[in-house]
PDB file of N, CA and C in Angstrom:
ATOM      1  N   UNK A   1     -20.550 239.997 -53.353  1.00  0.00           N
ATOM      2  CA  UNK A   1     -20.785 241.121 -52.454  1.00  0.00           C
ATOM      3  C   UNK A   1     -19.763 241.059 -51.327  1.00  0.00           C
ATOM      4  N   UNK A   2     -19.201 242.188 -50.988  1.00  0.00           N
ATOM      5  CA  UNK A   2     -18.195 242.231 -49.932  1.00  0.00           C
ATOM      6  C   UNK A   2     -18.805 242.768 -48.647  1.00  0.00           C
ATOM      7  N   UNK A   3     -18.246 242.355 -47.550  1.00  0.00           N
ATOM      8  CA  UNK A   3     -18.703 242.793 -46.234  1.00  0.00           C
ATOM      9  C   UNK A   3     -18.020 244.107 -45.891  1.00  0.00           C
ATOM     10  N   UNK A   4     -18.799 245.147 -45.643  1.00  0.00           N
ATOM     11  CA  UNK A   4     -18.269 246.462 -45.311  1.00  0.00           C
ATOM     12  C   UNK A   4     -18.078 246.588 -43.796  1.00  0.00           C
ATOM     13  N   UNK A   5     -16.895 247.014 -43.375  1.00  0.00           N
ATOM     14  CA  UNK A   5     -16.635 247.277 -41.963  1.00  0.00           C
ATOM     15  C   UNK A   5     -15.705 248.478 -41.873  1.00  0.00           C
ATOM     16  N   UNK A   6     -16.169 249.539 -41.264  1.00  0.00           N
ATOM     17  CA  UNK A   6     -15.359 250.732 -41.054  1.00  0.00           C
ATOM     18  C   UNK A   6     -14.690 251.217 -42.345  1.00  0.00           C
ATOM     19  N   UNK A   7     -15.441 251.322 -43.401  1.00  0.00           N
ATOM     20  CA  UNK A   7     -14.997 251.782 -44.722  1.00  0.00           C
ATOM     21  C   UNK A   7     -13.947 250.860 -45.350  1.00  0.00           C
ATOM     22  N   UNK A   8     -13.738 249.691 -44.800  1.00  0.00           N
ATOM     23  CA  UNK A   8     -12.868 248.676 -45.381  1.00  0.00           C
ATOM     24  C   UNK A   8     -13.726 247.457 -45.667  1.00  0.00           C
ATOM     25  N   UNK A   9     -13.343 246.691 -46.643  1.00  0.00           N
ATOM     26  CA  UNK A   9     -14.091 245.481 -46.919  1.00  0.00           C
ATOM     27  C   UNK A   9     -13.284 244.264 -46.498  1.00  0.00           C
ATOM     28  N   UNK A  10     -13.987 243.168 -46.305  1.00  0.00           N
ATOM     29  CA  UNK A  10     -13.369 241.931 -45.853  1.00  0.00           C
ATOM     30  C   UNK A  10     -12.314 241.488 -46.862  1.00  0.00           C
ATOM     31  N   UNK A  11     -11.098 241.269 -46.409  1.00  0.00           N
ATOM     32  CA  UNK A  11     -10.023 240.823 -47.285  1.00  0.00           C
ATOM     33  C   UNK A  11      -9.199 241.941 -47.889  1.00  0.00           C
ATOM     34  N   UNK A  12      -9.505 243.194 -47.554  1.00  0.00           N
ATOM     35  CA  UNK A  12      -8.785 244.322 -48.147  1.00  0.00           C
ATOM     36  C   UNK A  12      -7.306 244.304 -47.777  1.00  0.00           C
ATOM     37  N   UNK A  13      -6.986 244.039 -46.524  1.00  0.00           N
ATOM     38  CA  UNK A  13      -5.581 244.053 -46.112  1.00  0.00           C
ATOM     39  C   UNK A  13      -4.829 242.935 -46.816  1.00  0.00           C
ATOM     40  N   UNK A  14      -5.437 241.766 -46.926  1.00  0.00           N
ATOM     41  CA  UNK A  14      -4.800 240.658 -47.642  1.00  0.00           C
ATOM     42  C   UNK A  14      -4.539 241.041 -49.088  1.00  0.00           C
ATOM     43  N   UNK A  15      -5.539 241.634 -49.736  1.00  0.00           N
ATOM     44  CA  UNK A  15      -5.384 242.051 -51.133  1.00  0.00           C
ATOM     45  C   UNK A  15      -4.252 243.060 -51.275  1.00  0.00           C
ATOM     46  N   UNK A  16      -4.233 244.071 -50.417  1.00  0.00           N
ATOM     47  CA  UNK A  16      -3.194 245.109 -50.489  1.00  0.00           C
ATOM     48  C   UNK A  16      -1.814 244.529 -50.207  1.00  0.00           C
ATOM     49  N   UNK A  17      -1.722 243.582 -49.281  1.00  0.00           N
ATOM     50  CA  UNK A  17      -0.430 242.960 -48.974  1.00  0.00           C
ATOM     51  C   UNK A  17       0.095 242.188 -50.183  1.00  0.00           C
ATOM     52  N   UNK A  18      -0.777 241.438 -50.855  1.00  0.00           N
ATOM     53  CA  UNK A  18      -0.346 240.707 -52.046  1.00  0.00           C
ATOM     54  C   UNK A  18       0.064 241.664 -53.168  1.00  0.00           C
ATOM     55  N   UNK A  19      -0.670 242.761 -53.335  1.00  0.00           N
ATOM     56  CA  UNK A  19      -0.294 243.742 -54.353  1.00  0.00           C
ATOM     57  C   UNK A  19       1.080 244.327 -54.053  1.00  0.00           C
ATOM     58  N   UNK A  20       1.337 244.609 -52.779  1.00  0.00           N
ATOM     59  CA  UNK A  20       2.632 245.159 -52.377  1.00  0.00           C
ATOM     60  C   UNK A  20       3.766 244.180 -52.702  1.00  0.00           C
ATOM     61  N   UNK A  21       3.561 242.910 -52.377  1.00  0.00           N
ATOM     62  CA  UNK A  21       4.598 241.913 -52.643  1.00  0.00           C
ATOM     63  C   UNK A  21       4.806 241.744 -54.149  1.00  0.00           C
ATOM     64  N   UNK A  22       3.722 241.751 -54.919  1.00  0.00           N
ATOM     65  CA  UNK A  22       3.843 241.605 -56.375  1.00  0.00           C
ATOM     66  C   UNK A  22       4.700 242.715 -56.975  1.00  0.00           C
ATOM     67  N   UNK A  23       4.565 243.909 -56.442  1.00  0.00           N
ATOM     68  CA  UNK A  23       5.298 245.055 -56.998  1.00  0.00           C
ATOM     69  C   UNK A  23       6.704 245.205 -56.433  1.00  0.00           C
ATOM     70  N   UNK A  24       6.969 244.659 -55.242  1.00  0.00           N
ATOM     71  CA  UNK A  24       8.244 244.905 -54.563  1.00  0.00           C
ATOM     72  C   UNK A  24       9.018 243.643 -54.212  1.00  0.00           C
ATOM     73  N   UNK A  25       8.626 242.506 -54.738  1.00  0.00           N
ATOM     74  CA  UNK A  25       9.284 241.271 -54.310  1.00  0.00           C
ATOM     75  C   UNK A  25      10.719 241.186 -54.789  1.00  0.00           C
ATOM     76  N   UNK A  26      11.545 240.493 -54.051  1.00  0.00           N
ATOM     77  CA  UNK A  26      11.277 239.775 -52.813  1.00  0.00           C
ATOM     78  C   UNK A  26      11.177 240.730 -51.628  1.00  0.00           C
ATOM     79  N   UNK A  27      10.330 240.405 -50.660  1.00  0.00           N
ATOM     80  CA  UNK A  27      10.091 241.263 -49.495  1.00  0.00           C
ATOM     81  C   UNK A  27      10.475 240.525 -48.214  1.00  0.00           C
ATOM     82  N   UNK A  28      11.143 241.237 -47.338  1.00  0.00           N
ATOM     83  CA  UNK A  28      11.503 240.662 -46.042  1.00  0.00           C
ATOM     84  C   UNK A  28      10.314 240.762 -45.081  1.00  0.00           C
ATOM     85  N   UNK A  29      10.428 240.080 -43.962  1.00  0.00           N
ATOM     86  CA  UNK A  29       9.416 240.160 -42.913  1.00  0.00           C
ATOM     87  C   UNK A  29       9.228 241.617 -42.482  1.00  0.00           C
ATOM     88  N   UNK A  30      10.330 242.334 -42.328  1.00  0.00           N
ATOM     89  CA  UNK A  30      10.258 243.734 -41.897  1.00  0.00           C
ATOM     90  C   UNK A  30       9.555 244.592 -42.933  1.00  0.00           C
ATOM     91  N   UNK A  31       9.842 244.385 -44.213  1.00  0.00           N
ATOM     92  CA  UNK A  31       9.155 245.138 -45.274  1.00  0.00           C
ATOM     93  C   UNK A  31       7.647 244.921 -45.192  1.00  0.00           C
ATOM     94  N   UNK A  32       7.250 243.668 -45.027  1.00  0.00           N
ATOM     95  CA  UNK A  32       5.826 243.345 -44.954  1.00  0.00           C
ATOM     96  C   UNK A  32       5.193 243.926 -43.694  1.00  0.00           C
ATOM     97  N   UNK A  33       5.907 243.863 -42.575  1.00  0.00           N
ATOM     98  CA  UNK A  33       5.383 244.408 -41.323  1.00  0.00           C
ATOM     99  C   UNK A  33       5.207 245.922 -41.421  1.00  0.00           C
ATOM    100  N   UNK A  34       6.165 246.601 -42.032  1.00  0.00           N
ATOM    101  CA  UNK A  34       6.040 248.056 -42.212  1.00  0.00           C
ATOM    102  C   UNK A  34       4.800 248.397 -43.031  1.00  0.00           C
ATOM    103  N   UNK A  35       4.596 247.675 -44.114  1.00  0.00           N
ATOM    104  CA  UNK A  35       3.442 247.962 -44.968  1.00  0.00           C
ATOM    105  C   UNK A  35       2.137 247.616 -44.247  1.00  0.00           C
ATOM    106  N   UNK A  36       2.138 246.537 -43.474  1.00  0.00           N
ATOM    107  CA  UNK A  36       0.959 246.182 -42.703  1.00  0.00           C
ATOM    108  C   UNK A  36       0.629 247.279 -41.682  1.00  0.00           C
ATOM    109  N   UNK A  37       1.653 247.776 -40.985  1.00  0.00           N
ATOM    110  CA  UNK A  37       1.435 248.858 -40.022  1.00  0.00           C
ATOM    111  C   UNK A  37       0.873 250.099 -40.716  1.00  0.00           C
ATOM    112  N   UNK A  38       1.371 250.375 -41.912  1.00  0.00           N
ATOM    113  CA  UNK A  38       0.864 251.508 -42.693  1.00  0.00           C
ATOM    114  C   UNK A  38      -0.613 251.312 -43.021  1.00  0.00           C
ATOM    115  N   UNK A  39      -0.983 250.112 -43.470  1.00  0.00           N
ATOM    116  CA  UNK A  39      -2.378 249.842 -43.824  1.00  0.00           C
ATOM    117  C   UNK A  39      -3.295 249.890 -42.609  1.00  0.00           C
ATOM    118  N   UNK A  40      -2.848 249.345 -41.488  1.00  0.00           N
ATOM    119  CA  UNK A  40      -3.731 249.239 -40.331  1.00  0.00           C
ATOM    120  C   UNK A  40      -3.816 250.518 -39.504  1.00  0.00           C
ATOM    121  N   UNK A  41      -2.757 251.325 -39.484  1.00  0.00           N
ATOM    122  CA  UNK A  41      -2.786 252.534 -38.660  1.00  0.00           C
ATOM    123  C   UNK A  41      -2.904 253.820 -39.466  1.00  0.00           C
ATOM    124  N   UNK A  42      -2.496 253.778 -40.731  1.00  0.00           N
ATOM    125  CA  UNK A  42      -2.529 254.986 -41.554  1.00  0.00           C
ATOM    126  C   UNK A  42      -1.294 255.857 -41.392  1.00  0.00           C
ATOM    127  N   UNK A  43      -0.428 255.532 -40.424  1.00  0.00           N
ATOM    128  CA  UNK A  43       0.807 256.293 -40.246  1.00  0.00           C
ATOM    129  C   UNK A  43       1.792 255.935 -41.333  1.00  0.00           C
ATOM    130  N   UNK A  44       2.647 256.862 -41.684  1.00  0.00           N
ATOM    131  CA  UNK A  44       3.650 256.602 -42.707  1.00  0.00           C
ATOM    132  C   UNK A  44       4.868 255.938 -42.077  1.00  0.00           C
ATOM    133  N   UNK A  45       4.697 254.684 -41.650  1.00  0.00           N
ATOM    134  CA  UNK A  45       5.807 253.962 -41.031  1.00  0.00           C
ATOM    135  C   UNK A  45       6.808 253.479 -42.072  1.00  0.00           C
ATOM    136  N   UNK A  46       6.483 253.628 -43.352  1.00  0.00           N
ATOM    137  CA  UNK A  46       7.432 253.237 -44.382  1.00  0.00           C
ATOM    138  C   UNK A  46       8.680 254.109 -44.304  1.00  0.00           C
ATOM    139  N   UNK A  47       8.511 255.365 -43.878  1.00  0.00           N
ATOM    140  CA  UNK A  47       9.646 256.272 -43.737  1.00  0.00           C
ATOM    141  C   UNK A  47      10.039 256.485 -42.273  1.00  0.00           C
ATOM    142  N   UNK A  48       9.058 256.485 -41.367  1.00  0.00           N
ATOM    143  CA  UNK A  48       9.305 256.775 -39.956  1.00  0.00           C
ATOM    144  C   UNK A  48       9.259 255.503 -39.119  1.00  0.00           C
ATOM    145  N   UNK A  49      10.017 254.505 -39.497  1.00  0.00           N
ATOM    146  CA  UNK A  49       9.989 253.204 -38.819  1.00  0.00           C
ATOM    147  C   UNK A  49      10.807 253.247 -37.546  1.00  0.00           C
ATOM    148  N   UNK A  50      10.208 252.827 -36.453  1.00  0.00           N
ATOM    149  CA  UNK A  50      10.908 252.685 -35.182  1.00  0.00           C
ATOM    150  C   UNK A  50      10.796 251.220 -34.768  1.00  0.00           C
ATOM    151  N   UNK A  51      11.897 250.476 -34.792  1.00  0.00           N
ATOM    152  CA  UNK A  51      11.837 249.043 -34.522  1.00  0.00           C
ATOM    153  C   UNK A  51      11.247 248.682 -33.162  1.00  0.00           C
ATOM    154  N   UNK A  52      11.347 249.584 -32.185  1.00  0.00           N
ATOM    155  CA  UNK A  52      10.817 249.284 -30.856  1.00  0.00           C
ATOM    156  C   UNK A  52       9.348 249.687 -30.768  1.00  0.00           C
ATOM    157  N   UNK A  53       9.021 250.907 -31.160  1.00  0.00           N
ATOM    158  CA  UNK A  53       7.652 251.397 -31.039  1.00  0.00           C
ATOM    159  C   UNK A  53       6.695 250.697 -31.996  1.00  0.00           C
ATOM    160  N   UNK A  54       7.188 250.241 -33.132  1.00  0.00           N
ATOM    161  CA  UNK A  54       6.315 249.646 -34.139  1.00  0.00           C
ATOM    162  C   UNK A  54       6.306 248.125 -34.127  1.00  0.00           C
ATOM    163  N   UNK A  55       6.853 247.511 -33.108  1.00  0.00           N
ATOM    164  CA  UNK A  55       6.802 246.050 -33.048  1.00  0.00           C
ATOM    165  C   UNK A  55       5.479 245.613 -32.418  1.00  0.00           C
ATOM    166  N   UNK A  56       5.224 244.332 -32.509  1.00  0.00           N
ATOM    167  CA  UNK A  56       3.979 243.823 -31.960  1.00  0.00           C
ATOM    168  C   UNK A  56       2.847 243.954 -32.964  1.00  0.00           C
ATOM    169  N   UNK A  57       1.645 243.942 -32.484  1.00  0.00           N
ATOM    170  CA  UNK A  57       0.497 244.006 -33.371  1.00  0.00           C
ATOM    171  C   UNK A  57       0.113 242.627 -33.860  1.00  0.00           C
ATOM    172  N   UNK A  58      -0.704 242.602 -34.888  1.00  0.00           N
ATOM    173  CA  UNK A  58      -1.227 241.320 -35.347  1.00  0.00           C
ATOM    174  C   UNK A  58      -0.660 240.893 -36.691  1.00  0.00           C
ATOM    175  N   UNK A  59       0.441 241.490 -37.126  1.00  0.00           N
ATOM    176  CA  UNK A  59       0.985 241.114 -38.425  1.00  0.00           C
ATOM    177  C   UNK A  59       1.384 239.645 -38.477  1.00  0.00           C
ATOM    178  N   UNK A  60       1.947 239.129 -37.398  1.00  0.00           N
ATOM    179  CA  UNK A  60       2.379 237.725 -37.421  1.00  0.00           C
ATOM    180  C   UNK A  60       1.200 236.795 -37.700  1.00  0.00           C
ATOM    181  N   UNK A  61       0.001 237.164 -37.246  1.00  0.00           N
ATOM    182  CA  UNK A  61      -1.185 236.361 -37.516  1.00  0.00           C
ATOM    183  C   UNK A  61      -1.608 236.488 -38.979  1.00  0.00           C
ATOM    184  N   UNK A  62      -1.471 237.675 -39.546  1.00  0.00           N
ATOM    185  CA  UNK A  62      -1.784 237.862 -40.966  1.00  0.00           C
ATOM    186  C   UNK A  62      -0.782 237.119 -41.845  1.00  0.00           C
ATOM    187  N   UNK A  63       0.462 237.075 -41.428  1.00  0.00           N
ATOM    188  CA  UNK A  63       1.471 236.377 -42.212  1.00  0.00           C
ATOM    189  C   UNK A  63       1.137 234.887 -42.335  1.00  0.00           C
ATOM    190  N   UNK A  64       0.613 234.314 -41.268  1.00  0.00           N
ATOM    191  CA  UNK A  64       0.199 232.906 -41.329  1.00  0.00           C
ATOM    192  C   UNK A  64      -0.846 232.739 -42.429  1.00  0.00           C
ATOM    193  N   UNK A  65      -1.810 233.641 -42.489  1.00  0.00           N
ATOM    194  CA  UNK A  65      -2.849 233.583 -43.523  1.00  0.00           C
ATOM    195  C   UNK A  65      -2.256 233.795 -44.915  1.00  0.00           C
ATOM    196  N   UNK A  66      -1.322 234.721 -45.050  1.00  0.00           N
ATOM    197  CA  UNK A  66      -0.719 234.999 -46.353  1.00  0.00           C
ATOM    198  C   UNK A  66       0.092 233.813 -46.862  1.00  0.00           C
ATOM    199  N   UNK A  67       0.586 232.983 -45.963  1.00  0.00           N
ATOM    200  CA  UNK A  67       1.388 231.820 -46.352  1.00  0.00           C
ATOM    201  C   UNK A  67       0.536 230.579 -46.601  1.00  0.00           C
ATOM    202  N   UNK A  68      -0.767 230.634 -46.289  1.00  0.00           N
ATOM    203  CA  UNK A  68      -1.668 229.503 -46.532  1.00  0.00           C
ATOM    204  C   UNK A  68      -2.062 229.459 -48.001  1.00  0.00           C
ATOM    205  N   UNK A  69      -1.960 228.287 -48.580  1.00  0.00           N
ATOM    206  CA  UNK A  69      -2.368 228.106 -49.971  1.00  0.00           C
ATOM    207  C   UNK A  69      -3.887 228.047 -50.011  1.00  0.00           C
ATOM    208  N   UNK A  70      -4.503 229.130 -50.476  1.00  0.00           N
ATOM    209  CA  UNK A  70      -5.960 229.160 -50.544  1.00  0.00           C
ATOM    210  C   UNK A  70      -6.424 230.118 -51.631  1.00  0.00           C
ATOM    211  N   UNK A  71      -7.666 229.923 -52.048  1.00  0.00           N
ATOM    212  CA  UNK A  71      -8.267 230.791 -53.070  1.00  0.00           C
ATOM    213  C   UNK A  71      -8.660 232.099 -52.398  1.00  0.00           C
ATOM    214  N   UNK A  72      -8.232 233.197 -52.967  1.00  0.00           N
ATOM    215  CA  UNK A  72      -8.487 234.507 -52.373  1.00  0.00           C
ATOM    216  C   UNK A  72      -9.835 235.046 -52.818  1.00  0.00           C
ATOM    217  N   UNK A  73     -10.582 235.616 -51.866  1.00  0.00           N
ATOM    218  CA  UNK A  73     -11.923 236.121 -52.153  1.00  0.00           C
ATOM    219  C   UNK A  73     -11.908 237.256 -53.167  1.00  0.00           C
ATOM    220  N   UNK A  74     -10.927 238.118 -53.119  1.00  0.00           N
ATOM    221  CA  UNK A  74     -10.923 239.292 -53.974  1.00  0.00           C
ATOM    222  C   UNK A  74     -10.590 238.973 -55.426  1.00  0.00           C
ATOM    223  N   UNK A  75      -9.878 237.873 -55.688  1.00  0.00           N
ATOM    224  CA  UNK A  75      -9.475 237.572 -57.064  1.00  0.00           C
ATOM    225  C   UNK A  75      -9.960 236.216 -57.564  1.00  0.00           C
ATOM    226  N   UNK A  76     -10.277 235.316 -56.652  1.00  0.00           N
ATOM    227  CA  UNK A  76     -10.659 233.973 -57.048  1.00  0.00           C
ATOM    228  C   UNK A  76      -9.463 233.109 -57.424  1.00  0.00           C
ATOM    229  N   UNK A  77      -8.239 233.622 -57.240  1.00  0.00           N
ATOM    230  CA  UNK A  77      -7.024 232.892 -57.577  1.00  0.00           C
ATOM    231  C   UNK A  77      -6.399 232.279 -56.325  1.00  0.00           C
ATOM    232  N   UNK A  78      -5.677 231.191 -56.529  1.00  0.00           N
ATOM    233  CA  UNK A  78      -4.929 230.591 -55.433  1.00  0.00           C
ATOM    234  C   UNK A  78      -3.594 231.321 -55.353  1.00  0.00           C
ATOM    235  N   UNK A  79      -3.398 232.074 -54.276  1.00  0.00           N
ATOM    236  CA  UNK A  79      -2.178 232.856 -54.076  1.00  0.00           C
ATOM    237  C   UNK A  79      -1.670 232.609 -52.668  1.00  0.00           C
ATOM    238  N   UNK A  80      -0.358 232.602 -52.515  1.00  0.00           N
ATOM    239  CA  UNK A  80       0.222 232.507 -51.184  1.00  0.00           C
ATOM    240  C   UNK A  80       1.686 232.911 -51.253  1.00  0.00           C
ATOM    241  N   UNK A  81       2.227 233.282 -50.094  1.00  0.00           N
ATOM    242  CA  UNK A  81       3.625 233.679 -50.007  1.00  0.00           C
ATOM    243  C   UNK A  81       4.493 232.462 -49.735  1.00  0.00           C
ATOM    244  N   UNK A  82       5.642 232.441 -50.363  1.00  0.00           N
ATOM    245  CA  UNK A  82       6.657 231.421 -50.091  1.00  0.00           C
ATOM    246  C   UNK A  82       7.995 232.137 -49.987  1.00  0.00           C
ATOM    247  N   UNK A  83       8.917 231.507 -49.301  1.00  0.00           N
ATOM    248  CA  UNK A  83      10.270 232.054 -49.264  1.00  0.00           C
ATOM    249  C   UNK A  83      10.927 231.710 -50.592  1.00  0.00           C
ATOM    250  N   UNK A  84      11.383 232.724 -51.269  1.00  0.00           N
ATOM    251  CA  UNK A  84      11.936 232.541 -52.604  1.00  0.00           C
ATOM    252  C   UNK A  84      13.234 231.765 -52.603  1.00  0.00           C
ATOM    253  N   UNK A  85      13.433 230.946 -53.636  1.00  0.00           N
ATOM    254  CA  UNK A  85      14.691 230.211 -53.728  1.00  0.00           C
ATOM    255  C   UNK A  85      15.865 231.161 -53.906  1.00  0.00           C
ATOM    256  N   UNK A  86      16.859 231.042 -53.045  1.00  0.00           N
ATOM    257  CA  UNK A  86      18.026 231.910 -53.118  1.00  0.00           C
ATOM    258  C   UNK A  86      17.779 233.339 -52.662  1.00  0.00           C
ATOM    259  N   UNK A  87      16.690 233.594 -51.959  1.00  0.00           N
ATOM    260  CA  UNK A  87      16.344 234.958 -51.538  1.00  0.00           C
ATOM    261  C   UNK A  87      16.695 235.249 -50.085  1.00  0.00           C
ATOM    262  N   UNK A  88      17.318 234.332 -49.386  1.00  0.00           N
ATOM    263  CA  UNK A  88      17.728 234.525 -47.991  1.00  0.00           C
ATOM    264  C   UNK A  88      16.563 234.939 -47.087  1.00  0.00           C
ATOM    265  N   UNK A  89      15.496 234.170 -47.136  1.00  0.00           N
ATOM    266  CA  UNK A  89      14.371 234.383 -46.232  1.00  0.00           C
ATOM    267  C   UNK A  89      13.368 235.412 -46.683  1.00  0.00           C
ATOM    268  N   UNK A  90      13.486 235.939 -47.887  1.00  0.00           N
ATOM    269  CA  UNK A  90      12.517 236.929 -48.364  1.00  0.00           C
ATOM    270  C   UNK A  90      11.371 236.225 -49.080  1.00  0.00           C
ATOM    271  N   UNK A  91      10.197 236.855 -48.989  1.00  0.00           N
ATOM    272  CA  UNK A  91       8.982 236.248 -49.509  1.00  0.00           C
ATOM    273  C   UNK A  91       8.688 236.695 -50.937  1.00  0.00           C
ATOM    274  N   UNK A  92       8.128 235.762 -51.709  1.00  0.00           N
ATOM    275  CA  UNK A  92       7.635 236.053 -53.050  1.00  0.00           C
ATOM    276  C   UNK A  92       6.253 235.418 -53.171  1.00  0.00           C
ATOM    277  N   UNK A  93       5.520 235.790 -54.213  1.00  0.00           N
ATOM    278  CA  UNK A  93       4.173 235.271 -54.443  1.00  0.00           C
ATOM    279  C   UNK A  93       4.260 233.960 -55.213  1.00  0.00           C
ATOM    280  N   UNK A  94       3.431 233.028 -54.835  1.00  0.00           N
ATOM    281  CA  UNK A  94       3.285 231.784 -55.573  1.00  0.00           C
ATOM    282  C   UNK A  94       1.832 231.723 -56.022  1.00  0.00           C
ATOM    283  N   UNK A  95       1.619 231.708 -57.332  1.00  0.00           N
ATOM    284  CA  UNK A  95       0.269 231.617 -57.880  1.00  0.00           C
ATOM    285  C   UNK A  95       0.002 230.174 -58.280  1.00  0.00           C
ATOM    286  N   UNK A  96      -0.636 229.426 -57.399  1.00  0.00           N
ATOM    287  CA  UNK A  96      -1.019 228.049 -57.684  1.00  0.00           C
ATOM    288  C   UNK A  96       0.122 227.234 -58.283  1.00  0.00           C
ATOM    289  N   UNK A  97       1.291 227.333 -57.654  1.00  0.00           N
ATOM    290  CA  UNK A  97       2.439 226.553 -58.087  1.00  0.00           C
ATOM    291  C   UNK A  97       3.383 227.274 -59.019  1.00  0.00           C
ATOM    292  N   UNK A  98       3.059 228.498 -59.426  1.00  0.00           N
ATOM    293  CA  UNK A  98       3.908 229.259 -60.337  1.00  0.00           C
ATOM    294  C   UNK A  98       4.379 230.534 -59.652  1.00  0.00           C
ATOM    295  N   UNK A  99       5.687 230.744 -59.637  1.00  0.00           N
ATOM    296  CA  UNK A  99       6.224 231.968 -59.056  1.00  0.00           C
ATOM    297  C   UNK A  99       5.964 233.139 -59.990  1.00  0.00           C
ATOM    298  N   UNK A 100       5.704 234.300 -59.424  1.00  0.00           N
ATOM    299  CA  UNK A 100       5.598 235.504 -60.244  1.00  0.00           C
ATOM    300  C   UNK A 100       7.011 235.993 -60.494  1.00  0.00           C
ATOM    301  N   UNK A 101       7.359 236.136 -61.743  1.00  0.00           N
ATOM    302  CA  UNK A 101       8.714 236.550 -62.100  1.00  0.00           C
ATOM    303  C   UNK A 101       8.865 238.057 -61.969  1.00  0.00           C
ATOM    304  N   UNK A 102      10.114 238.520 -62.023  1.00  0.00           N
ATOM    305  CA  UNK A 102      10.370 239.954 -61.987  1.00  0.00           C
ATOM    306  C   UNK A 102       9.729 240.634 -63.188  1.00  0.00           C
ATOM    307  N   UNK A 103       9.730 239.973 -64.353  1.00  0.00           N
ATOM    308  CA  UNK A 103       9.111 240.539 -65.551  1.00  0.00           C
ATOM    309  C   UNK A 103       7.624 240.770 -65.324  1.00  0.00           C
ATOM    310  N   UNK A 104       6.951 239.768 -64.749  1.00  0.00           N
ATOM    311  CA  UNK A 104       5.524 239.907 -64.511  1.00  0.00           C
ATOM    312  C   UNK A 104       5.244 240.998 -63.482  1.00  0.00           C
ATOM    313  N   UNK A 105       6.108 241.097 -62.456  1.00  0.00           N
ATOM    314  CA  UNK A 105       5.940 242.150 -61.457  1.00  0.00           C
ATOM    315  C   UNK A 105       6.101 243.519 -62.061  1.00  0.00           C
ATOM    316  N   UNK A 106       7.081 243.681 -62.967  1.00  0.00           N
ATOM    317  CA  UNK A 106       7.280 244.968 -63.645  1.00  0.00           C
ATOM    318  C   UNK A 106       6.091 245.289 -64.538  1.00  0.00           C
ATOM    319  N   UNK A 107       5.536 244.287 -65.181  1.00  0.00           N
ATOM    320  CA  UNK A 107       4.377 244.515 -66.028  1.00  0.00           C
ATOM    321  C   UNK A 107       3.147 244.895 -65.214  1.00  0.00           C
ATOM    322  N   UNK A 108       3.061 244.376 -63.992  1.00  0.00           N
ATOM    323  CA  UNK A 108       1.950 244.767 -63.124  1.00  0.00           C
ATOM    324  C   UNK A 108       2.017 246.263 -62.818  1.00  0.00           C
ATOM    325  N   UNK A 109       3.220 246.794 -62.642  1.00  0.00           N
ATOM    326  CA  UNK A 109       3.366 248.224 -62.343  1.00  0.00           C
ATOM    327  C   UNK A 109       2.894 249.076 -63.507  1.00  0.00           C
ATOM    328  N   UNK A 110       3.143 248.614 -64.739  1.00  0.00           N
ATOM    329  CA  UNK A 110       2.785 249.405 -65.910  1.00  0.00           C
ATOM    330  C   UNK A 110       1.418 249.043 -66.460  1.00  0.00           C
ATOM    331  N   UNK A 111       0.825 247.970 -65.951  1.00  0.00           N
ATOM    332  CA  UNK A 111      -0.464 247.549 -66.444  1.00  0.00           C
ATOM    333  C   UNK A 111      -0.383 246.809 -67.765  1.00  0.00           C
ATOM    334  N   UNK A 112       0.816 246.353 -68.135  1.00  0.00           N
ATOM    335  CA  UNK A 112       1.006 245.732 -69.433  1.00  0.00           C
ATOM    336  C   UNK A 112       0.878 244.231 -69.446  1.00  0.00           C
ATOM    337  N   UNK A 113       0.499 243.611 -68.360  1.00  0.00           N
ATOM    338  CA  UNK A 113       0.400 242.157 -68.317  1.00  0.00           C
ATOM    339  C   UNK A 113      -0.813 241.810 -67.485  1.00  0.00           C
ATOM    340  N   UNK A 114      -1.607 240.871 -67.944  1.00  0.00           N
ATOM    341  CA  UNK A 114      -2.828 240.522 -67.227  1.00  0.00           C
ATOM    342  C   UNK A 114      -2.807 239.035 -66.915  1.00  0.00           C
ATOM    343  N   UNK A 115      -3.095 238.666 -65.673  1.00  0.00           N
ATOM    344  CA  UNK A 115      -3.098 237.261 -65.273  1.00  0.00           C
ATOM    345  C   UNK A 115      -4.408 236.628 -65.673  1.00  0.00           C
TER     346      UNK A 115
END
């Protein structure tokens, strides 16, 4: 059972952030912050990004959680973000010690691969 708060459930932002990274990895800090701002405010900051007006907020605190190796409530899987090898500071998903490959990410978009 999930905890309902303001039409969102506990862990929804974490779940959506991981889905975004799975489909768009590798993702920079700015990419993740833009998507977080979109989820939390509802504004389309993905297109209308203003580096000054859209800075701040609590994304840095969520990033700490996204980088912690822990079992996620929504999936029961151990997922966390790591800086990808050779990605120049961009984040990718690590599933309990296994990186999600580009092939698996593409299959997630089409629904052709199941973890």
